[in-house]
Every structure is written in C-alpha cells, then in structure tokens.
Amino acid sequence: MTLLIESDAPLEEAAVAASVQAVTRLRGRLDRVAKGSLPEDGKVIEDRRSLA
C-alpha cells in the first residue's frame, strides 16, 4: 500500500506509518507529494495491483 501525503509541514513519517499500520493492519510506504497535486474529487482509495 502507498499512502500519498500532501503536506508542507514536517512529519514524523515513521509515526504516520505506524498509525496507518495500527489502524488498517497493512504495511505500506509513504510518499509526500506537492500540495494541490492530488485531485479533490478523485478516488480516496485506488487499487493499482496488476492481475498478472
């Protein structure tokens, strides 16, 4: 799982990752993206797994 985060503020990425894992029971990766780059009307969760 990859969590995309829009934030200019400093983040404790390890703490965010631990919180995500505790809530979802999934390990994943955090990617910080530029503010305004995620669509506001887009999907909240997008499944990009390949079915091959």
C-alpha atoms as a PDB file:
ATOM      1  CA  MET A   1       0.000   0.000   0.000  1.00  0.00           C
ATOM      2  CA  THR A   2       1.223   3.500  -0.755  1.00  0.00           C
ATOM      3  CA  LEU A   3      -0.171   6.481   1.129  1.00  0.00           C
ATOM      4  CA  LEU A   4       0.222   9.774  -0.717  1.00  0.00           C
ATOM      5  CA  ILE A   5       0.504  12.746   1.637  1.00  0.00           C
ATOM      6  CA  GLU A   6       0.120  16.413   0.698  1.00  0.00           C
ATOM      7  CA  SER A   7       1.869  18.407   3.365  1.00  0.00           C
ATOM      8  CA  ASP A   8       4.286  21.282   3.670  1.00  0.00           C
ATOM      9  CA  ALA A   9       4.610  20.717   7.411  1.00  0.00           C
ATOM     10  CA  PRO A  10       7.336  18.479   8.799  1.00  0.00           C
ATOM     11  CA  LEU A  11       6.049  14.964   9.518  1.00  0.00           C
ATOM     12  CA  GLU A  12       7.287  12.114  11.636  1.00  0.00           C
ATOM     13  CA  GLU A  13       6.940   9.648   8.766  1.00  0.00           C
ATOM     14  CA  ALA A  14       7.700   6.640  10.979  1.00  0.00           C
ATOM     15  CA  ALA A  15       4.898   7.649  13.358  1.00  0.00           C
ATOM     16  CA  VAL A  16       2.452   8.138  10.473  1.00  0.00           C
ATOM     17  CA  ALA A  17       3.399   4.735   9.032  1.00  0.00           C
ATOM     18  CA  ALA A  18       2.933   3.107  12.444  1.00  0.00           C
ATOM     19  CA  SER A  19      -0.506   4.731  12.836  1.00  0.00           C
ATOM     20  CA  VAL A  20      -1.590   3.584   9.382  1.00  0.00           C
ATOM     21  CA  GLN A  21      -0.443   0.051  10.123  1.00  0.00           C
ATOM     22  CA  ALA A  22      -2.201   0.021  13.505  1.00  0.00           C
ATOM     23  CA  VAL A  23      -5.499   1.192  12.009  1.00  0.00           C
ATOM     24  CA  THR A  24      -5.513  -0.734   8.720  1.00  0.00           C
ATOM     25  CA  ARG A  25      -3.324  -3.700   9.679  1.00  0.00           C
ATOM     26  CA  LEU A  26      -1.451  -3.136   6.396  1.00  0.00           C
ATOM     27  CA  ARG A  27       2.177  -2.182   5.955  1.00  0.00           C
ATOM     28  CA  GLY A  28       2.948   0.325   3.294  1.00  0.00           C
ATOM     29  CA  ARG A  29       5.019   3.173   2.062  1.00  0.00           C
ATOM     30  CA  LEU A  30       4.516   6.917   2.434  1.00  0.00           C
ATOM     31  CA  ASP A  31       5.120   9.266  -0.473  1.00  0.00           C
ATOM     32  CA  ARG A  32       4.999  13.004   0.043  1.00  0.00           C
ATOM     33  CA  VAL A  33       3.562  14.836  -2.978  1.00  0.00           C
ATOM     34  CA  ALA A  34       3.277  18.515  -3.819  1.00  0.00           C
ATOM     35  CA  LYS A  35       0.410  20.388  -2.248  1.00  0.00           C
ATOM     36  CA  GLY A  36      -2.531  20.536  -4.668  1.00  0.00           C
ATOM     37  CA  SER A  37      -1.322  17.595  -6.765  1.00  0.00           C
ATOM     38  CA  LEU A  38      -3.987  15.146  -5.544  1.00  0.00           C
ATOM     39  CA  PRO A  39      -7.434  15.651  -7.049  1.00  0.00           C
ATOM     40  CA  GLU A  40     -10.067  16.734  -4.554  1.00  0.00           C
ATOM     41  CA  ASP A  41     -12.786  14.840  -6.384  1.00  0.00           C
ATOM     42  CA  GLY A  42     -10.739  11.729  -7.112  1.00  0.00           C
ATOM     43  CA  LYS A  43     -10.947   8.292  -5.580  1.00  0.00           C
ATOM     44  CA  VAL A  44      -9.966   8.074  -1.945  1.00  0.00           C
ATOM     45  CA  ILE A  45      -8.688   4.533  -2.453  1.00  0.00           C
ATOM     46  CA  GLU A  46      -7.388   3.327  -5.812  1.00  0.00           C
ATOM     47  CA  ASP A  47      -6.439  -0.296  -6.409  1.00  0.00           C
ATOM     48  CA  ARG A  48      -3.421  -0.353  -8.751  1.00  0.00           C
ATOM     49  CA  ARG A  49      -2.489  -4.007  -8.349  1.00  0.00           C
ATOM     50  CA  SER A  50      -1.704  -5.918 -11.527  1.00  0.00           C
ATOM     51  CA  LEU A  51      -3.720  -9.085 -12.008  1.00  0.00           C
ATOM     52  CA  ALA A  52      -0.963 -10.877 -13.900  1.00  0.00           C
END
